[in-house]
PDB file of N, CA and C in Angstrom:
ATOM      1  N   MET A   1      15.574  12.076  -6.909  1.00  0.00           N
ATOM      2  CA  MET A   1      15.130  12.208  -5.535  1.00  0.00           C
ATOM      3  C   MET A   1      16.307  12.064  -4.583  1.00  0.00           C
ATOM      4  N   GLY A   2      16.183  12.640  -3.408  1.00  0.00           N
ATOM      5  CA  GLY A   2      17.228  12.532  -2.407  1.00  0.00           C
ATOM      6  C   GLY A   2      17.205  11.162  -1.747  1.00  0.00           C
ATOM      7  N   SER A   3      18.093  10.990  -0.793  1.00  0.00           N
ATOM      8  CA  SER A   3      18.184   9.707  -0.116  1.00  0.00           C
ATOM      9  C   SER A   3      17.218   9.600   1.064  1.00  0.00           C
ATOM     10  N   GLU A   4      16.576  10.685   1.413  1.00  0.00           N
ATOM     11  CA  GLU A   4      15.628  10.686   2.517  1.00  0.00           C
ATOM     12  C   GLU A   4      14.306  10.068   2.082  1.00  0.00           C
ATOM     13  N   PRO A   5      13.711   9.180   2.912  1.00  0.00           N
ATOM     14  CA  PRO A   5      12.379   8.666   2.586  1.00  0.00           C
ATOM     15  C   PRO A   5      11.369   9.809   2.569  1.00  0.00           C
ATOM     16  N   THR A   6      10.373   9.700   1.721  1.00  0.00           N
ATOM     17  CA  THR A   6       9.363  10.726   1.558  1.00  0.00           C
ATOM     18  C   THR A   6       8.115  10.370   2.360  1.00  0.00           C
ATOM     19  N   MET A   7       7.471  11.391   2.927  1.00  0.00           N
ATOM     20  CA  MET A   7       6.217  11.168   3.644  1.00  0.00           C
ATOM     21  C   MET A   7       5.130  10.846   2.622  1.00  0.00           C
ATOM     22  N   LEU A   8       4.251   9.927   2.981  1.00  0.00           N
ATOM     23  CA  LEU A   8       3.144   9.567   2.104  1.00  0.00           C
ATOM     24  C   LEU A   8       2.043  10.612   2.188  1.00  0.00           C
ATOM     25  N   LEU A   9       1.461  10.944   1.060  1.00  0.00           N
ATOM     26  CA  LEU A   9       0.303  11.822   1.050  1.00  0.00           C
ATOM     27  C   LEU A   9      -0.888  11.067   1.609  1.00  0.00           C
ATOM     28  N   GLN A  10      -1.816  11.788   2.200  1.00  0.00           N
ATOM     29  CA  GLN A  10      -3.020  11.188   2.744  1.00  0.00           C
ATOM     30  C   GLN A  10      -3.715  10.341   1.673  1.00  0.00           C
ATOM     31  N   GLY A  11      -4.034   9.105   2.003  1.00  0.00           N
ATOM     32  CA  GLY A  11      -4.754   8.249   1.062  1.00  0.00           C
ATOM     33  C   GLY A  11      -3.878   7.401   0.159  1.00  0.00           C
ATOM     34  N   THR A  12      -2.607   7.742   0.018  1.00  0.00           N
ATOM     35  CA  THR A  12      -1.770   6.967  -0.896  1.00  0.00           C
ATOM     36  C   THR A  12      -1.323   5.647  -0.287  1.00  0.00           C
ATOM     37  N   LEU A  13      -1.312   5.535   1.030  1.00  0.00           N
ATOM     38  CA  LEU A  13      -0.900   4.290   1.663  1.00  0.00           C
ATOM     39  C   LEU A  13      -1.845   3.154   1.262  1.00  0.00           C
ATOM     40  N   ASP A  14      -3.148   3.416   1.271  1.00  0.00           N
ATOM     41  CA  ASP A  14      -4.116   2.392   0.855  1.00  0.00           C
ATOM     42  C   ASP A  14      -3.818   1.917  -0.558  1.00  0.00           C
ATOM     43  N   LEU A  15      -3.587   2.853  -1.449  1.00  0.00           N
ATOM     44  CA  LEU A  15      -3.292   2.526  -2.841  1.00  0.00           C
ATOM     45  C   LEU A  15      -2.050   1.647  -2.940  1.00  0.00           C
ATOM     46  N   LEU A  16      -0.996   1.995  -2.218  1.00  0.00           N
ATOM     47  CA  LEU A  16       0.247   1.229  -2.270  1.00  0.00           C
ATOM     48  C   LEU A  16       0.095  -0.161  -1.655  1.00  0.00           C
ATOM     49  N   ILE A  17      -0.653  -0.278  -0.561  1.00  0.00           N
ATOM     50  CA  ILE A  17      -0.890  -1.584   0.061  1.00  0.00           C
ATOM     51  C   ILE A  17      -1.688  -2.469  -0.881  1.00  0.00           C
ATOM     52  N   LEU A  18      -2.793  -1.944  -1.411  1.00  0.00           N
ATOM     53  CA  LEU A  18      -3.628  -2.730  -2.321  1.00  0.00           C
ATOM     54  C   LEU A  18      -2.824  -3.172  -3.539  1.00  0.00           C
ATOM     55  N   ASN A  19      -2.043  -2.258  -4.089  1.00  0.00           N
ATOM     56  CA  ASN A  19      -1.223  -2.572  -5.253  1.00  0.00           C
ATOM     57  C   ASN A  19      -0.180  -3.649  -4.930  1.00  0.00           C
ATOM     58  N   SER A  20       0.380  -3.593  -3.734  1.00  0.00           N
ATOM     59  CA  SER A  20       1.372  -4.591  -3.313  1.00  0.00           C
ATOM     60  C   SER A  20       0.772  -5.988  -3.259  1.00  0.00           C
ATOM     61  N   LEU A  21      -0.480  -6.076  -2.850  1.00  0.00           N
ATOM     62  CA  LEU A  21      -1.120  -7.377  -2.669  1.00  0.00           C
ATOM     63  C   LEU A  21      -1.639  -7.984  -3.970  1.00  0.00           C
ATOM     64  N   VAL A  22      -1.601  -7.234  -5.064  1.00  0.00           N
ATOM     65  CA  VAL A  22      -1.988  -7.794  -6.365  1.00  0.00           C
ATOM     66  C   VAL A  22      -1.072  -8.972  -6.702  1.00  0.00           C
ATOM     67  N   ALA A  23       0.193  -8.878  -6.309  1.00  0.00           N
ATOM     68  CA  ALA A  23       1.180  -9.919  -6.604  1.00  0.00           C
ATOM     69  C   ALA A  23       0.927 -11.202  -5.807  1.00  0.00           C
ATOM     70  N   GLY A  24       0.149 -11.122  -4.738  1.00  0.00           N
ATOM     71  CA  GLY A  24      -0.134 -12.296  -3.915  1.00  0.00           C
ATOM     72  C   GLY A  24      -0.122 -11.951  -2.445  1.00  0.00           C
ATOM     73  N   GLU A  25      -0.495 -12.917  -1.631  1.00  0.00           N
ATOM     74  CA  GLU A  25      -0.581 -12.693  -0.187  1.00  0.00           C
ATOM     75  C   GLU A  25       0.794 -12.440   0.411  1.00  0.00           C
ATOM     76  N   MET A  26       0.812 -11.597   1.437  1.00  0.00           N
ATOM     77  CA  MET A  26       2.065 -11.241   2.109  1.00  0.00           C
ATOM     78  C   MET A  26       1.792 -10.910   3.560  1.00  0.00           C
ATOM     79  N   HIS A  27       2.826 -11.045   4.385  1.00  0.00           N
ATOM     80  CA  HIS A  27       2.723 -10.582   5.769  1.00  0.00           C
ATOM     81  C   HIS A  27       3.107  -9.104   5.798  1.00  0.00           C
ATOM     82  N   GLY A  28       2.888  -8.468   6.938  1.00  0.00           N
ATOM     83  CA  GLY A  28       3.106  -7.028   7.049  1.00  0.00           C
ATOM     84  C   GLY A  28       4.485  -6.564   6.636  1.00  0.00           C
ATOM     85  N   LEU A  29       5.516  -7.244   7.111  1.00  0.00           N
ATOM     86  CA  LEU A  29       6.880  -6.841   6.750  1.00  0.00           C
ATOM     87  C   LEU A  29       7.106  -6.991   5.253  1.00  0.00           C
ATOM     88  N   GLY A  30       6.529  -8.031   4.662  1.00  0.00           N
ATOM     89  CA  GLY A  30       6.631  -8.228   3.215  1.00  0.00           C
ATOM     90  C   GLY A  30       5.973  -7.098   2.447  1.00  0.00           C
ATOM     91  N   ILE A  31       4.823  -6.632   2.941  1.00  0.00           N
ATOM     92  CA  ILE A  31       4.120  -5.505   2.301  1.00  0.00           C
ATOM     93  C   ILE A  31       4.983  -4.256   2.376  1.00  0.00           C
ATOM     94  N   SER A  32       5.549  -4.006   3.556  1.00  0.00           N
ATOM     95  CA  SER A  32       6.414  -2.841   3.741  1.00  0.00           C
ATOM     96  C   SER A  32       7.609  -2.895   2.785  1.00  0.00           C
ATOM     97  N   ARG A  33       8.236  -4.064   2.682  1.00  0.00           N
ATOM     98  CA  ARG A  33       9.376  -4.226   1.766  1.00  0.00           C
ATOM     99  C   ARG A  33       8.946  -4.032   0.313  1.00  0.00           C
ATOM    100  N   ARG A  34       7.786  -4.569  -0.036  1.00  0.00           N
ATOM    101  CA  ARG A  34       7.291  -4.459  -1.413  1.00  0.00           C
ATOM    102  C   ARG A  34       7.037  -2.995  -1.773  1.00  0.00           C
ATOM    103  N   ILE A  35       6.451  -2.236  -0.872  1.00  0.00           N
ATOM    104  CA  ILE A  35       6.202  -0.808  -1.126  1.00  0.00           C
ATOM    105  C   ILE A  35       7.533  -0.085  -1.330  1.00  0.00           C
ATOM    106  N   GLN A  36       8.496  -0.391  -0.489  1.00  0.00           N
ATOM    107  CA  GLN A  36       9.816   0.240  -0.639  1.00  0.00           C
ATOM    108  C   GLN A  36      10.425  -0.147  -1.988  1.00  0.00           C
ATOM    109  N   GLN A  37      10.251  -1.410  -2.386  1.00  0.00           N
ATOM    110  CA  GLN A  37      10.805  -1.893  -3.650  1.00  0.00           C
ATOM    111  C   GLN A  37      10.126  -1.231  -4.852  1.00  0.00           C
ATOM    112  N   ILE A  38       8.787  -1.231  -4.883  1.00  0.00           N
ATOM    113  CA  ILE A  38       8.086  -0.707  -6.061  1.00  0.00           C
ATOM    114  C   ILE A  38       8.187   0.808  -6.175  1.00  0.00           C
ATOM    115  N   THR A  39       8.519   1.488  -5.066  1.00  0.00           N
ATOM    116  CA  THR A  39       8.708   2.942  -5.126  1.00  0.00           C
ATOM    117  C   THR A  39      10.196   3.291  -5.171  1.00  0.00           C
ATOM    118  N   ARG A  40      11.028   2.282  -5.393  1.00  0.00           N
ATOM    119  CA  ARG A  40      12.484   2.444  -5.474  1.00  0.00           C
ATOM    120  C   ARG A  40      13.047   3.194  -4.258  1.00  0.00           C
ATOM    121  N   GLY A  41      12.513   2.843  -3.098  1.00  0.00           N
ATOM    122  CA  GLY A  41      13.017   3.409  -1.854  1.00  0.00           C
ATOM    123  C   GLY A  41      12.475   4.783  -1.501  1.00  0.00           C
ATOM    124  N   THR A  42      11.598   5.319  -2.324  1.00  0.00           N
ATOM    125  CA  THR A  42      11.049   6.644  -2.042  1.00  0.00           C
ATOM    126  C   THR A  42      10.169   6.626  -0.799  1.00  0.00           C
ATOM    127  N   PHE A  43       9.380   5.548  -0.634  1.00  0.00           N
ATOM    128  CA  PHE A  43       8.488   5.443   0.524  1.00  0.00           C
ATOM    129  C   PHE A  43       8.911   4.285   1.407  1.00  0.00           C
ATOM    130  N   VAL A  44       9.116   4.587   2.676  1.00  0.00           N
ATOM    131  CA  VAL A  44       9.402   3.586   3.690  1.00  0.00           C
ATOM    132  C   VAL A  44       8.243   3.640   4.674  1.00  0.00           C
ATOM    133  N   VAL A  45       7.483   2.550   4.760  1.00  0.00           N
ATOM    134  CA  VAL A  45       6.295   2.524   5.614  1.00  0.00           C
ATOM    135  C   VAL A  45       6.651   1.873   6.938  1.00  0.00           C
ATOM    136  N   LYS A  46       6.521   2.633   7.998  1.00  0.00           N
ATOM    137  CA  LYS A  46       6.826   2.158   9.343  1.00  0.00           C
ATOM    138  C   LYS A  46       5.638   1.360   9.894  1.00  0.00           C
ATOM    139  N   PRO A  47       5.915   0.417  10.809  1.00  0.00           N
ATOM    140  CA  PRO A  47       4.833  -0.388  11.394  1.00  0.00           C
ATOM    141  C   PRO A  47       3.714   0.448  12.011  1.00  0.00           C
ATOM    142  N   GLY A  48       4.053   1.595  12.593  1.00  0.00           N
ATOM    143  CA  GLY A  48       3.046   2.455  13.216  1.00  0.00           C
ATOM    144  C   GLY A  48       2.046   3.030  12.232  1.00  0.00           C
ATOM    145  N   SER A  49       2.387   3.065  10.962  1.00  0.00           N
ATOM    146  CA  SER A  49       1.459   3.498   9.911  1.00  0.00           C
ATOM    147  C   SER A  49       0.841   2.298   9.202  1.00  0.00           C
ATOM    148  N   LEU A  50       1.659   1.263   8.980  1.00  0.00           N
ATOM    149  CA  LEU A  50       1.213   0.116   8.199  1.00  0.00           C
ATOM    150  C   LEU A  50       0.113  -0.679   8.893  1.00  0.00           C
ATOM    151  N   PHE A  51       0.344  -1.080  10.134  1.00  0.00           N
ATOM    152  CA  PHE A  51      -0.590  -1.997  10.778  1.00  0.00           C
ATOM    153  C   PHE A  51      -1.963  -1.384  11.060  1.00  0.00           C
ATOM    154  N   PRO A  52      -2.053  -0.127  11.482  1.00  0.00           N
ATOM    155  CA  PRO A  52      -3.395   0.461  11.592  1.00  0.00           C
ATOM    156  C   PRO A  52      -4.122   0.496  10.241  1.00  0.00           C
ATOM    157  N   ALA A  53      -3.378   0.775   9.166  1.00  0.00           N
ATOM    158  CA  ALA A  53      -3.986   0.791   7.825  1.00  0.00           C
ATOM    159  C   ALA A  53      -4.472  -0.607   7.442  1.00  0.00           C
ATOM    160  N   LEU A  54      -3.658  -1.626   7.715  1.00  0.00           N
ATOM    161  CA  LEU A  54      -4.064  -3.002   7.406  1.00  0.00           C
ATOM    162  C   LEU A  54      -5.310  -3.399   8.182  1.00  0.00           C
ATOM    163  N   HIS A  55      -5.370  -3.049   9.451  1.00  0.00           N
ATOM    164  CA  HIS A  55      -6.551  -3.378  10.271  1.00  0.00           C
ATOM    165  C   HIS A  55      -7.795  -2.663   9.733  1.00  0.00           C
ATOM    166  N   ARG A  56      -7.642  -1.394   9.389  1.00  0.00           N
ATOM    167  CA  ARG A  56      -8.765  -0.626   8.852  1.00  0.00           C
ATOM    168  C   ARG A  56      -9.232  -1.227   7.521  1.00  0.00           C
ATOM    169  N   MET A  57      -8.280  -1.599   6.669  1.00  0.00           N
ATOM    170  CA  MET A  57      -8.624  -2.162   5.368  1.00  0.00           C
ATOM    171  C   MET A  57      -9.274  -3.542   5.512  1.00  0.00           C
ATOM    172  N   GLU A  58      -8.868  -4.266   6.527  1.00  0.00           N
ATOM    173  CA  GLU A  58      -9.511  -5.553   6.812  1.00  0.00           C
ATOM    174  C   GLU A  58     -10.954  -5.317   7.264  1.00  0.00           C
ATOM    175  N   ASP A  59     -11.153  -4.307   8.123  1.00  0.00           N
ATOM    176  CA  ASP A  59     -12.506  -3.949   8.567  1.00  0.00           C
ATOM    177  C   ASP A  59     -13.394  -3.523   7.393  1.00  0.00           C
ATOM    178  N   GLU A  60     -12.791  -2.848   6.398  1.00  0.00           N
ATOM    179  CA  GLU A  60     -13.530  -2.403   5.213  1.00  0.00           C
ATOM    180  C   GLU A  60     -13.857  -3.566   4.276  1.00  0.00           C
ATOM    181  N   GLY A  61     -13.175  -4.704   4.468  1.00  0.00           N
ATOM    182  CA  GLY A  61     -13.389  -5.861   3.611  1.00  0.00           C
ATOM    183  C   GLY A  61     -12.543  -5.858   2.347  1.00  0.00           C
ATOM    184  N   TRP A  62     -11.545  -4.962   2.280  1.00  0.00           N
ATOM    185  CA  TRP A  62     -10.687  -4.863   1.095  1.00  0.00           C
ATOM    186  C   TRP A  62      -9.598  -5.922   1.099  1.00  0.00           C
ATOM    187  N   ILE A  63      -9.227  -6.377   2.303  1.00  0.00           N
ATOM    188  CA  ILE A  63      -8.240  -7.440   2.437  1.00  0.00           C
ATOM    189  C   ILE A  63      -8.763  -8.446   3.452  1.00  0.00           C
ATOM    190  N   SER A  64      -8.264  -9.664   3.376  1.00  0.00           N
ATOM    191  CA  SER A  64      -8.551 -10.663   4.401  1.00  0.00           C
ATOM    192  C   SER A  64      -7.216 -11.090   4.992  1.00  0.00           C
ATOM    193  N   ALA A  65      -7.274 -11.680   6.178  1.00  0.00           N
ATOM    194  CA  ALA A  65      -6.042 -12.045   6.877  1.00  0.00           C
ATOM    195  C   ALA A  65      -6.135 -13.463   7.421  1.00  0.00           C
ATOM    196  N   PHE A  66      -4.978 -14.084   7.541  1.00  0.00           N
ATOM    197  CA  PHE A  66      -4.891 -15.410   8.145  1.00  0.00           C
ATOM    198  C   PHE A  66      -3.495 -15.561   8.750  1.00  0.00           C
ATOM    199  N   TRP A  67      -3.373 -16.451   9.715  1.00  0.00           N
ATOM    200  CA  TRP A  67      -2.088 -16.693  10.357  1.00  0.00           C
ATOM    201  C   TRP A  67      -1.338 -17.798   9.626  1.00  0.00           C
ATOM    202  N   GLY A  68      -0.028 -17.608   9.491  1.00  0.00           N
ATOM    203  CA  GLY A  68       0.821 -18.599   8.846  1.00  0.00           C
ATOM    204  C   GLY A  68       2.252 -18.422   9.311  1.00  0.00           C
ATOM    205  N   ASP A  69       3.149 -19.163   8.690  1.00  0.00           N
ATOM    206  CA  ASP A  69       4.567 -19.076   9.032  1.00  0.00           C
ATOM    207  C   ASP A  69       5.299 -18.262   7.975  1.00  0.00           C
ATOM    208  N   SER A  70       6.131 -17.333   8.443  1.00  0.00           N
ATOM    209  CA  SER A  70       6.930 -16.505   7.531  1.00  0.00           C
ATOM    210  C   SER A  70       8.095 -17.315   6.986  1.00  0.00           C
ATOM    211  N   GLU A  71       8.880 -16.693   6.116  1.00  0.00           N
ATOM    212  CA  GLU A  71      10.028 -17.378   5.509  1.00  0.00           C
ATOM    213  C   GLU A  71      11.071 -17.823   6.530  1.00  0.00           C
ATOM    214  N   ASN A  72      11.087 -17.189   7.707  1.00  0.00           N
ATOM    215  CA  ASN A  72      12.027 -17.620   8.751  1.00  0.00           C
ATOM    216  C   ASN A  72      11.310 -18.392   9.872  1.00  0.00           C
ATOM    217  N   ASN A  73      10.182 -19.029   9.499  1.00  0.00           N
ATOM    218  CA  ASN A  73       9.402 -19.899  10.392  1.00  0.00           C
ATOM    219  C   ASN A  73       8.868 -19.202  11.640  1.00  0.00           C
ATOM    220  N   ARG A  74       8.599 -17.923  11.523  1.00  0.00           N
ATOM    221  CA  ARG A  74       7.948 -17.187  12.616  1.00  0.00           C
ATOM    222  C   ARG A  74       6.472 -17.058  12.278  1.00  0.00           C
ATOM    223  N   ARG A  75       5.644 -17.086  13.295  1.00  0.00           N
ATOM    224  CA  ARG A  75       4.208 -16.926  13.099  1.00  0.00           C
ATOM    225  C   ARG A  75       3.945 -15.486  12.657  1.00  0.00           C
ATOM    226  N   ALA A  76       3.183 -15.319  11.595  1.00  0.00           N
ATOM    227  CA  ALA A  76       2.910 -13.974  11.069  1.00  0.00           C
ATOM    228  C   ALA A  76       1.499 -13.938  10.493  1.00  0.00           C
ATOM    229  N   LYS A  77       0.930 -12.768  10.507  1.00  0.00           N
ATOM    230  CA  LYS A  77      -0.387 -12.563   9.906  1.00  0.00           C
ATOM    231  C   LYS A  77      -0.177 -12.197   8.443  1.00  0.00           C
ATOM    232  N   PHE A  78      -0.808 -12.951   7.567  1.00  0.00           N
ATOM    233  CA  PHE A  78      -0.715 -12.724   6.131  1.00  0.00           C
ATOM    234  C   PHE A  78      -1.986 -12.048   5.639  1.00  0.00           C
ATOM    235  N   TYR A  79      -1.839 -11.236   4.619  1.00  0.00           N
ATOM    236  CA  TYR A  79      -2.961 -10.482   4.060  1.00  0.00           C
ATOM    237  C   TYR A  79      -3.098 -10.805   2.588  1.00  0.00           C
ATOM    238  N   ARG A  80      -4.352 -10.838   2.132  1.00  0.00           N
ATOM    239  CA  ARG A  80      -4.612 -11.049   0.703  1.00  0.00           C
ATOM    240  C   ARG A  80      -5.719 -10.095   0.266  1.00  0.00           C
ATOM    241  N   LEU A  81      -5.673  -9.755  -0.994  1.00  0.00           N
ATOM    242  CA  LEU A  81      -6.653  -8.862  -1.600  1.00  0.00           C
ATOM    243  C   LEU A  81      -7.969  -9.610  -1.792  1.00  0.00           C
ATOM    244  N   THR A  82      -9.079  -8.965  -1.476  1.00  0.00           N
ATOM    245  CA  THR A  82     -10.402  -9.539  -1.713  1.00  0.00           C
ATOM    246  C   THR A  82     -10.975  -8.954  -3.009  1.00  0.00           C
ATOM    247  N   LYS A  83     -12.110  -9.456  -3.414  1.00  0.00           N
ATOM    248  CA  LYS A  83     -12.781  -8.915  -4.602  1.00  0.00           C
ATOM    249  C   LYS A  83     -13.102  -7.426  -4.382  1.00  0.00           C
ATOM    250  N   ALA A  84     -13.577  -7.105  -3.187  1.00  0.00           N
ATOM    251  CA  ALA A  84     -13.861  -5.698  -2.852  1.00  0.00           C
ATOM    252  C   ALA A  84     -12.577  -4.873  -2.878  1.00  0.00           C
ATOM    253  N   GLY A  85     -11.467  -5.478  -2.478  1.00  0.00           N
ATOM    254  CA  GLY A  85     -10.180  -4.790  -2.499  1.00  0.00           C
ATOM    255  C   GLY A  85      -9.713  -4.494  -3.912  1.00  0.00           C
ATOM    256  N   ARG A  86      -9.976  -5.417  -4.826  1.00  0.00           N
ATOM    257  CA  ARG A  86      -9.620  -5.178  -6.235  1.00  0.00           C
ATOM    258  C   ARG A  86     -10.434  -4.010  -6.794  1.00  0.00           C
ATOM    259  N   LYS A  87     -11.711  -3.942  -6.417  1.00  0.00           N
ATOM    260  CA  LYS A  87     -12.553  -2.810  -6.845  1.00  0.00           C
ATOM    261  C   LYS A  87     -12.030  -1.509  -6.245  1.00  0.00           C
ATOM    262  N   GLN A  88     -11.671  -1.560  -4.968  1.00  0.00           N
ATOM    263  CA  GLN A  88     -11.160  -0.359  -4.305  1.00  0.00           C
ATOM    264  C   GLN A  88      -9.847   0.085  -4.923  1.00  0.00           C
ATOM    265  N   LEU A  89      -9.011  -0.858  -5.333  1.00  0.00           N
ATOM    266  CA  LEU A  89      -7.757  -0.519  -6.012  1.00  0.00           C
ATOM    267  C   LEU A  89      -8.052   0.259  -7.291  1.00  0.00           C
ATOM    268  N   GLU A  90      -9.066  -0.145  -8.027  1.00  0.00           N
ATOM    269  CA  GLU A  90      -9.470   0.597  -9.235  1.00  0.00           C
ATOM    270  C   GLU A  90      -9.892   2.014  -8.884  1.00  0.00           C
ATOM    271  N   VAL A  91     -10.726   2.137  -7.839  1.00  0.00           N
ATOM    272  CA  VAL A  91     -11.210   3.449  -7.395  1.00  0.00           C
ATOM    273  C   VAL A  91     -10.033   4.334  -6.982  1.00  0.00           C
ATOM    274  N   GLU A  92      -9.135   3.786  -6.165  1.00  0.00           N
ATOM    275  CA  GLU A  92      -7.982   4.552  -5.673  1.00  0.00           C
ATOM    276  C   GLU A  92      -7.036   4.936  -6.813  1.00  0.00           C
ATOM    277  N   THR A  93      -6.863   4.034  -7.781  1.00  0.00           N
ATOM    278  CA  THR A  93      -5.990   4.325  -8.917  1.00  0.00           C
ATOM    279  C   THR A  93      -6.557   5.456  -9.763  1.00  0.00           C
ATOM    280  N   LYS A  94      -7.856   5.422 -10.032  1.00  0.00           N
ATOM    281  CA  LYS A  94      -8.496   6.503 -10.797  1.00  0.00           C
ATOM    282  C   LYS A  94      -8.398   7.826 -10.042  1.00  0.00           C
ATOM    283  N   ARG A  95      -8.597   7.777  -8.725  1.00  0.00           N
ATOM    284  CA  ARG A  95      -8.505   8.980  -7.899  1.00  0.00           C
ATOM    285  C   ARG A  95      -7.085   9.545  -7.983  1.00  0.00           C
ATOM    286  N   TRP A  96      -6.082   8.668  -7.851  1.00  0.00           N
ATOM    287  CA  TRP A  96      -4.700   9.115  -7.908  1.00  0.00           C
ATOM    288  C   TRP A  96      -4.371   9.693  -9.279  1.00  0.00           C
ATOM    289  N   ASP A  97      -4.866   9.074 -10.349  1.00  0.00           N
ATOM    290  CA  ASP A  97      -4.634   9.583 -11.704  1.00  0.00           C
ATOM    291  C   ASP A  97      -5.167  11.010 -11.841  1.00  0.00           C
ATOM    292  N   ARG A  98      -6.364  11.252 -11.276  1.00  0.00           N
ATOM    293  CA  ARG A  98      -6.944  12.609 -11.332  1.00  0.00           C
ATOM    294  C   ARG A  98      -6.081  13.603 -10.557  1.00  0.00           C
ATOM    295  N   ILE A  99      -5.643  13.204  -9.367  1.00  0.00           N
ATOM    296  CA  ILE A  99      -4.832  14.085  -8.521  1.00  0.00           C
ATOM    297  C   ILE A  99      -3.498  14.393  -9.202  1.00  0.00           C
ATOM    298  N   SER A 100      -2.820  13.356  -9.696  1.00  0.00           N
ATOM    299  CA  SER A 100      -1.501  13.584 -10.289  1.00  0.00           C
ATOM    300  C   SER A 100      -1.602  14.411 -11.566  1.00  0.00           C
ATOM    301  N   LEU A 101      -2.663  14.221 -12.351  1.00  0.00           N
ATOM    302  CA  LEU A 101      -2.869  15.033 -13.555  1.00  0.00           C
ATOM    303  C   LEU A 101      -3.102  16.495 -13.171  1.00  0.00           C
ATOM    304  N   ALA A 102      -3.910  16.723 -12.147  1.00  0.00           N
ATOM    305  CA  ALA A 102      -4.190  18.092 -11.715  1.00  0.00           C
ATOM    306  C   ALA A 102      -2.916  18.786 -11.222  1.00  0.00           C
ATOM    307  N   ILE A 103      -2.093  18.069 -10.471  1.00  0.00           N
ATOM    308  CA  ILE A 103      -0.836  18.655  -9.991  1.00  0.00           C
ATOM    309  C   ILE A 103       0.102  18.952 -11.152  1.00  0.00           C
ATOM    310  N   THR A 104       0.204  18.011 -12.088  1.00  0.00           N
ATOM    311  CA  THR A 104       1.056  18.216 -13.280  1.00  0.00           C
ATOM    312  C   THR A 104       0.588  19.452 -14.038  1.00  0.00           C
ATOM    313  N   GLN A 105      -0.720  19.577 -14.253  1.00  0.00           N
ATOM    314  CA  GLN A 105      -1.254  20.730 -14.978  1.00  0.00           C
ATOM    315  C   GLN A 105      -0.976  22.029 -14.227  1.00  0.00           C
ATOM    316  N   ALA A 106      -1.104  21.989 -12.915  1.00  0.00           N
ATOM    317  CA  ALA A 106      -0.850  23.195 -12.105  1.00  0.00           C
ATOM    318  C   ALA A 106       0.623  23.603 -12.225  1.00  0.00           C
ATOM    319  N   LEU A 107       1.526  22.638 -12.187  1.00  0.00           N
ATOM    320  CA  LEU A 107       2.951  22.956 -12.276  1.00  0.00           C
ATOM    321  C   LEU A 107       3.316  23.468 -13.660  1.00  0.00           C
ATOM    322  N   GLU A 108       2.689  22.927 -14.704  1.00  0.00           N
ATOM    323  CA  GLU A 108       2.958  23.378 -16.063  1.00  0.00           C
ATOM    324  C   GLU A 108       2.409  24.785 -16.317  1.00  0.00           C
ATOM    325  N   ALA A 109       1.399  25.176 -15.552  1.00  0.00           N
ATOM    326  CA  ALA A 109       0.787  26.490 -15.727  1.00  0.00           C
ATOM    327  C   ALA A 109       1.635  27.599 -15.103  1.00  0.00           C
ATOM    328  N   SER A 110       2.588  27.235 -14.279  1.00  0.00           N
ATOM    329  CA  SER A 110       3.425  28.240 -13.586  1.00  0.00           C
ATOM    330  C   SER A 110       4.311  28.984 -14.534  1.00  0.00           C
TER     331      SER A 110
END
């Protein structure tokens, strides 16, 4: 891959956020860093995309939030995966598996 960050496909941000929170609760910047880390820098999630997604996912009940202190003693909102979020992660993972298999098959058919 090139050095340019890649745009996320519709729906993949939820999958990456949920997957990031499996490791434990994190604040928004931590989630963004974790996504960049687990995708080896391929995806860089900007606050303008991350925070609306986190709020929506909180409204859906997939994550819960609480206020705490970050590693540099700043007040930050932390997020954790809920039971519903773990179920949604399964749903999103299966959906992604179907999509990636279909794309792979389409490319192999060329």
